[in-house]
Amino acid sequence: MAYFNHDGCSLHYRQYGQGDPLVLLHGLGSSSQDWELQVPVLSRHYRVILLDIRGHGRSDKPRDGYSIATFSEDLLALLEHLETGPVHLTGLSMGGMVGFQFAVDHPGWLRSLCIVNSAPEVKRRTREDWIWWAKRWSLARVLSVETVGKALAERLFPKPEQAQLRVKMAQRWARNDKHAYLKSFDAIVDWGVAERIARINCPTLVISADQDYTPIQLKERYVALMPQARLAIIEDSRHATPLDQPEVFNQTLLHFLAAASPSQGSLSPC
C-alpha cells in the first residue's frame, strides 16, 4: 500500500507489473479492490496503477471537496507524483466520468481512454430526470449503506451462480463512509463535459454492458462525437461488467490497448 497527499487529502494507490502505465478508476461507492479480476491479467503486460478516489477505499474521506473535476485533479497529482508520463486510462461508471473530465482537461496525459458503462454528463433536463434524482437522493439519505449495498448487489448480480459475488460485494459496499458516499453522489448530479468530448482525439473505447443502466443508444450517440472512438458491447452483463464478465472484459480491453500502445506502432496522444 502507498499514499500521497494532494491538497491536504491523503490518497491511497497501488501498482502492479511493468510496461506502459495503465490507470484503472473505480465507480461510486467502490474502491480499487474491485479491479481484482483484472490486475493479474493486465499486469502481465502493463504497469497497472489503481487509485482509491477521495472518499473511497483507503483514501481520506474529507467533509468537503467532492467534485468530478477535483477527482480528475487528484489523478493528475498522482501521475505527476509517480512521473508516469502519458497513460492509458480506464474508468468504470463514476470512474468513467472522471476519465471524460481528465481527457478534456489534460489531453496530453493520455495515450488512450476506455470508458466503461458511463456517460459524459448526468443532467436533469426532464421531469423523469428530476423524479429519478429525487428518489435516489432520498433513498441514499434514508437507507443505511448496508441496505444500499445489499440492494445493489442483488440488482447487479442476480444469478444463482453469483451468490458468493453478491455477498462479497454487499459486504464491501457496506464499508462506505455515508457522508463521503453522499457527497460523491451529489458530485455526479448535473456534472457534464458532453459539449467538449469532440476534442478527445486519442484512441477511445467505450464498453457497454447490454443490460447497463445507460442505454446503448445513448452511448452510440456520444461515441459518434469522438474522432477515434468505437463502441464494444458485452453481452449478458449489467453495470459492473469487470466483475460479472471479467474474461470477456479483460480480452476486450487488452485488444484495444495493444492497438493503442507505442510498442504496436506510432501513437498520437489526445
Protein backbone atom coordinates (compact mmCIF):
# COMPACT_ATOMS: atom_id res chain seq x y z
CA MET A 1 0.00 0.00 0.00
CA ALA A 2 1.17 3.51 -0.81
CA TYR A 3 -0.18 7.01 -0.17
CA PHE A 4 0.43 10.54 -1.41
CA ASN A 5 -1.03 13.87 -0.38
CA HIS A 6 -2.89 16.27 -2.63
CA ASP A 7 -4.43 19.47 -1.26
CA GLY A 8 -4.45 18.08 2.27
CA CYS A 9 -6.11 14.79 1.29
CA SER A 10 -4.22 11.52 1.67
CA LEU A 11 -4.93 9.27 -1.31
CA HIS A 12 -4.26 5.56 -1.49
CA TYR A 13 -2.87 3.90 -4.61
CA ARG A 14 -1.29 0.61 -5.66
CA GLN A 15 0.92 -0.50 -8.55
CA TYR A 16 1.44 -3.87 -10.23
CA GLY A 17 3.56 -5.06 -13.15
CA GLN A 18 5.75 -3.24 -15.62
CA GLY A 19 5.35 -1.62 -19.00
CA ASP A 20 3.23 1.23 -20.31
CA PRO A 21 1.21 2.79 -17.44
CA LEU A 22 -2.46 1.79 -17.25
CA VAL A 23 -4.71 3.52 -14.70
CA LEU A 24 -7.95 1.88 -13.53
CA LEU A 25 -10.60 4.05 -11.84
CA HIS A 26 -13.49 2.51 -9.90
CA GLY A 27 -17.10 3.64 -9.59
CA LEU A 28 -19.22 5.32 -6.92
CA GLY A 29 -19.19 3.54 -3.57
CA SER A 30 -16.50 1.12 -4.70
CA SER A 31 -12.71 1.05 -4.44
CA SER A 32 -9.63 -0.11 -6.30
CA GLN A 33 -10.23 -3.54 -4.78
CA ASP A 34 -12.98 -4.08 -7.35
CA TRP A 35 -10.34 -4.50 -10.08
CA GLU A 36 -9.11 -7.74 -8.51
CA LEU A 37 -10.14 -9.81 -11.55
CA GLN A 38 -8.25 -7.50 -13.91
CA VAL A 39 -4.94 -6.93 -12.12
CA PRO A 40 -3.45 -10.44 -12.54
CA VAL A 41 -4.15 -10.38 -16.29
CA LEU A 42 -3.38 -6.76 -17.14
CA SER A 43 -0.23 -6.55 -15.02
CA ARG A 44 1.43 -9.17 -17.23
CA HIS A 45 1.57 -6.54 -19.96
CA TYR A 46 1.25 -3.13 -18.26
CA ARG A 47 2.21 -1.12 -15.22
CA VAL A 48 -1.22 -1.15 -13.61
CA ILE A 49 -1.98 1.80 -11.32
CA LEU A 50 -5.02 1.72 -9.03
CA LEU A 51 -6.32 4.78 -7.20
CA ASP A 52 -8.89 4.96 -4.43
CA ILE A 53 -10.81 8.10 -5.39
CA ARG A 54 -11.10 10.51 -2.46
CA GLY A 55 -13.90 9.45 -0.14
CA HIS A 56 -13.46 5.80 -1.13
CA GLY A 57 -11.46 2.80 -0.05
CA ARG A 58 -8.35 3.63 1.97
CA SER A 59 -8.20 7.26 0.81
CA ASP A 60 -9.20 10.08 3.15
CA LYS A 61 -12.85 10.99 3.47
CA PRO A 62 -12.87 14.76 3.96
CA ARG A 63 -16.02 16.69 4.82
CA ASP A 64 -15.90 18.74 1.60
CA GLY A 65 -14.12 18.97 -1.74
CA TYR A 66 -16.08 16.43 -3.77
CA SER A 67 -16.49 17.03 -7.50
CA ILE A 68 -15.63 15.20 -10.70
CA ALA A 69 -13.16 17.98 -11.51
CA THR A 70 -11.48 17.52 -8.11
CA PHE A 71 -11.22 13.76 -8.66
CA SER A 72 -9.60 14.49 -12.03
CA GLU A 73 -7.06 16.84 -10.43
CA ASP A 74 -6.30 14.18 -7.81
CA LEU A 75 -5.47 11.81 -10.66
CA LEU A 76 -3.20 14.36 -12.31
CA ALA A 77 -1.40 14.84 -8.99
CA LEU A 78 -0.86 11.08 -8.72
CA LEU A 79 0.57 10.83 -12.23
CA GLU A 80 2.90 13.74 -11.53
CA HIS A 81 3.88 12.11 -8.23
CA LEU A 82 4.70 8.84 -10.00
CA GLU A 83 6.27 10.61 -13.02
CA THR A 84 4.38 8.29 -15.36
CA GLY A 85 4.14 10.45 -18.43
CA PRO A 86 1.05 9.82 -20.61
CA VAL A 87 -1.07 6.85 -19.51
CA HIS A 88 -3.79 4.54 -20.72
CA LEU A 89 -6.86 5.38 -18.64
CA THR A 90 -9.83 3.10 -17.97
CA GLY A 91 -12.78 4.24 -15.85
CA LEU A 92 -15.93 2.43 -14.76
CA SER A 93 -19.17 4.35 -14.11
CA MET A 94 -18.15 7.36 -11.97
CA GLY A 95 -14.54 6.49 -12.84
CA GLY A 96 -15.54 6.88 -16.49
CA MET A 97 -16.87 10.34 -15.72
CA VAL A 98 -13.51 11.20 -14.19
CA GLY A 99 -11.95 9.79 -17.35
CA PHE A 100 -14.00 12.12 -19.55
CA GLN A 101 -13.14 15.09 -17.34
CA PHE A 102 -9.44 14.21 -17.38
CA ALA A 103 -9.45 13.72 -21.15
CA VAL A 104 -10.85 17.19 -21.87
CA ASP A 105 -8.78 18.95 -19.20
CA HIS A 106 -5.43 17.16 -19.63
CA PRO A 107 -5.31 15.58 -23.10
CA GLY A 108 -1.52 15.47 -23.19
CA TRP A 109 -1.51 12.97 -20.34
CA LEU A 110 -3.43 10.30 -22.24
CA ARG A 111 -2.26 7.53 -24.55
CA SER A 112 -5.75 6.09 -24.75
CA LEU A 113 -9.11 6.24 -23.00
CA CYS A 114 -11.53 3.45 -22.14
CA ILE A 115 -14.96 4.34 -20.74
CA VAL A 116 -16.98 1.52 -19.15
CA ASN A 117 -20.75 1.84 -18.54
CA SER A 118 -20.66 5.59 -18.16
CA ALA A 119 -21.59 8.86 -19.87
CA PRO A 120 -20.09 12.34 -20.39
CA GLU A 121 -22.85 14.05 -18.42
CA VAL A 122 -25.57 13.50 -15.83
CA LYS A 123 -28.06 16.30 -16.40
CA ARG A 124 -31.57 16.81 -15.03
CA ARG A 125 -33.44 18.03 -18.08
CA THR A 126 -36.80 16.29 -17.98
CA ARG A 127 -39.45 15.65 -15.36
CA GLU A 128 -38.38 12.00 -15.35
CA ASP A 129 -34.77 13.03 -14.69
CA TRP A 130 -35.83 15.06 -11.67
CA ILE A 131 -38.03 12.25 -10.32
CA TRP A 132 -35.21 9.73 -10.72
CA TRP A 133 -32.78 12.02 -8.92
CA ALA A 134 -35.24 12.78 -6.11
CA LYS A 135 -35.84 9.09 -5.48
CA ARG A 136 -32.14 8.24 -5.50
CA TRP A 137 -31.29 11.28 -3.34
CA SER A 138 -33.95 10.39 -0.77
CA LEU A 139 -33.15 6.69 -0.60
CA ALA A 140 -29.41 7.33 -0.29
CA ARG A 141 -30.01 9.53 2.74
CA VAL A 142 -32.69 7.45 4.43
CA LEU A 143 -31.21 3.99 3.97
CA SER A 144 -28.05 2.71 5.63
CA VAL A 145 -25.01 1.93 3.49
CA GLU A 146 -25.52 -1.72 4.42
CA THR A 147 -29.04 -1.68 2.96
CA VAL A 148 -27.92 0.17 -0.15
CA GLY A 149 -25.05 -2.28 -0.62
CA LYS A 150 -27.31 -5.30 -0.33
CA ALA A 151 -29.84 -3.85 -2.79
CA LEU A 152 -27.11 -3.00 -5.31
CA ALA A 153 -25.58 -6.45 -5.06
CA GLU A 154 -28.94 -8.13 -5.65
CA ARG A 155 -29.60 -5.92 -8.66
CA LEU A 156 -26.17 -6.24 -10.25
CA PHE A 157 -25.55 -9.92 -9.53
CA PRO A 158 -28.96 -11.65 -9.63
CA LYS A 159 -27.95 -15.07 -10.92
CA PRO A 160 -27.88 -18.08 -8.55
CA GLU A 161 -24.27 -18.80 -9.51
CA GLN A 162 -23.33 -15.24 -8.47
CA ALA A 163 -24.32 -15.81 -4.83
CA GLN A 164 -20.77 -15.58 -3.45
CA LEU A 165 -20.02 -12.49 -5.53
CA ARG A 166 -23.29 -10.94 -4.37
CA VAL A 167 -22.40 -11.45 -0.70
CA LYS A 168 -18.83 -10.22 -1.14
CA MET A 169 -19.85 -7.03 -2.94
CA ALA A 170 -22.63 -6.27 -0.44
CA GLN A 171 -20.07 -6.53 2.34
CA ARG A 172 -17.66 -4.22 0.51
CA TRP A 173 -20.27 -1.56 -0.19
CA ALA A 174 -21.38 -1.70 3.43
CA ARG A 175 -17.95 -0.33 4.44
CA ASN A 176 -18.62 3.01 2.75
CA ASP A 177 -18.48 6.18 4.80
CA LYS A 178 -22.02 7.51 4.34
CA HIS A 179 -21.07 11.19 4.29
CA ALA A 180 -18.39 10.60 1.64
CA TYR A 181 -20.77 8.42 -0.38
CA LEU A 182 -23.47 11.10 -0.39
CA LYS A 183 -21.01 13.85 -1.28
CA SER A 184 -19.69 11.75 -4.18
CA PHE A 185 -23.23 11.01 -5.32
CA ASP A 186 -24.04 14.72 -5.31
CA ALA A 187 -20.86 15.40 -7.31
CA ILE A 188 -22.26 13.37 -10.20
CA VAL A 189 -25.61 15.13 -10.48
CA ASP A 190 -25.64 17.97 -13.03
CA TRP A 191 -22.00 17.33 -13.93
CA GLY A 192 -21.10 17.18 -17.60
CA VAL A 193 -18.48 17.74 -20.30
CA ALA A 194 -20.50 16.44 -23.27
CA GLU A 195 -20.00 19.69 -25.18
CA ARG A 196 -16.21 19.16 -25.08
CA ILE A 197 -15.77 15.47 -25.91
CA ALA A 198 -15.39 16.11 -29.66
CA ARG A 199 -11.91 17.35 -28.72
CA ILE A 200 -10.85 13.91 -27.43
CA ASN A 201 -8.53 12.73 -30.19
CA CYS A 202 -6.75 9.78 -28.63
CA PRO A 203 -7.82 6.16 -29.29
CA THR A 204 -11.02 5.71 -27.29
CA LEU A 205 -13.03 2.61 -26.49
CA VAL A 206 -16.48 2.77 -24.94
CA ILE A 207 -17.54 -0.52 -23.38
CA SER A 208 -21.23 -1.03 -22.72
CA ALA A 209 -22.96 -3.91 -20.99
CA ASP A 210 -26.07 -4.97 -22.87
CA GLN A 211 -28.09 -4.51 -19.64
CA ASP A 212 -26.43 -1.37 -18.29
CA TYR A 213 -28.43 1.46 -16.70
CA THR A 214 -27.45 3.78 -19.55
CA PRO A 215 -28.98 2.75 -22.91
CA ILE A 216 -26.69 1.58 -25.69
CA GLN A 217 -28.34 4.15 -27.98
CA LEU A 218 -27.07 6.98 -25.77
CA LYS A 219 -23.54 5.58 -25.93
CA GLU A 220 -23.78 5.28 -29.71
CA ARG A 221 -24.64 8.98 -29.91
CA TYR A 222 -21.73 10.22 -27.84
CA VAL A 223 -19.24 7.76 -29.39
CA ALA A 224 -20.07 9.32 -32.77
CA LEU A 225 -18.86 12.69 -31.45
CA MET A 226 -15.30 11.50 -30.75
CA PRO A 227 -12.96 11.19 -33.75
CA GLN A 228 -11.16 7.98 -32.71
CA ALA A 229 -13.84 6.28 -30.63
CA ARG A 230 -15.62 2.97 -31.07
CA LEU A 231 -18.21 1.05 -29.09
CA ALA A 232 -17.93 -2.53 -27.81
CA ILE A 233 -21.00 -4.25 -26.36
CA ILE A 234 -20.57 -7.06 -23.84
CA GLU A 235 -23.50 -9.43 -23.63
CA ASP A 236 -25.11 -10.92 -20.54
CA SER A 237 -23.67 -8.16 -18.37
CA ARG A 238 -25.01 -5.44 -16.12
CA HIS A 239 -23.38 -2.30 -14.72
CA ALA A 240 -20.39 -4.00 -13.06
CA THR A 241 -19.01 -5.59 -16.23
CA PRO A 242 -15.43 -6.11 -14.97
CA LEU A 243 -16.90 -8.27 -12.19
CA ASP A 244 -19.71 -10.13 -13.94
CA GLN A 245 -17.90 -10.74 -17.27
CA PRO A 246 -14.21 -10.49 -16.35
CA GLU A 247 -12.79 -12.75 -19.07
CA VAL A 248 -14.59 -11.01 -21.93
CA PHE A 249 -13.89 -7.60 -20.43
CA ASN A 250 -10.17 -8.31 -19.99
CA GLN A 251 -9.72 -9.57 -23.54
CA THR A 252 -11.72 -6.65 -24.99
CA LEU A 253 -9.56 -4.15 -23.10
CA LEU A 254 -6.29 -5.90 -23.92
CA HIS A 255 -7.11 -6.00 -27.62
CA PHE A 256 -7.84 -2.27 -27.59
CA LEU A 257 -4.72 -1.41 -25.57
CA ALA A 258 -2.47 -3.45 -27.85
CA ALA A 259 -3.60 -1.39 -30.82
CA ALA A 260 -3.11 1.85 -28.87
CA SER A 261 0.32 1.03 -27.38
CA PRO A 262 3.55 2.58 -28.69
CA SER A 263 5.12 -0.86 -28.98
CA GLN A 264 2.44 -1.71 -31.54
CA GLY A 265 3.22 1.27 -33.75
CA SER A 266 3.04 5.05 -33.72
CA LEU A 267 0.75 6.69 -31.18
CA SER A 268 -0.75 10.12 -31.19
CA PRO A 269 -1.66 11.50 -27.77
CA CYS A 270 -5.03 13.12 -27.19
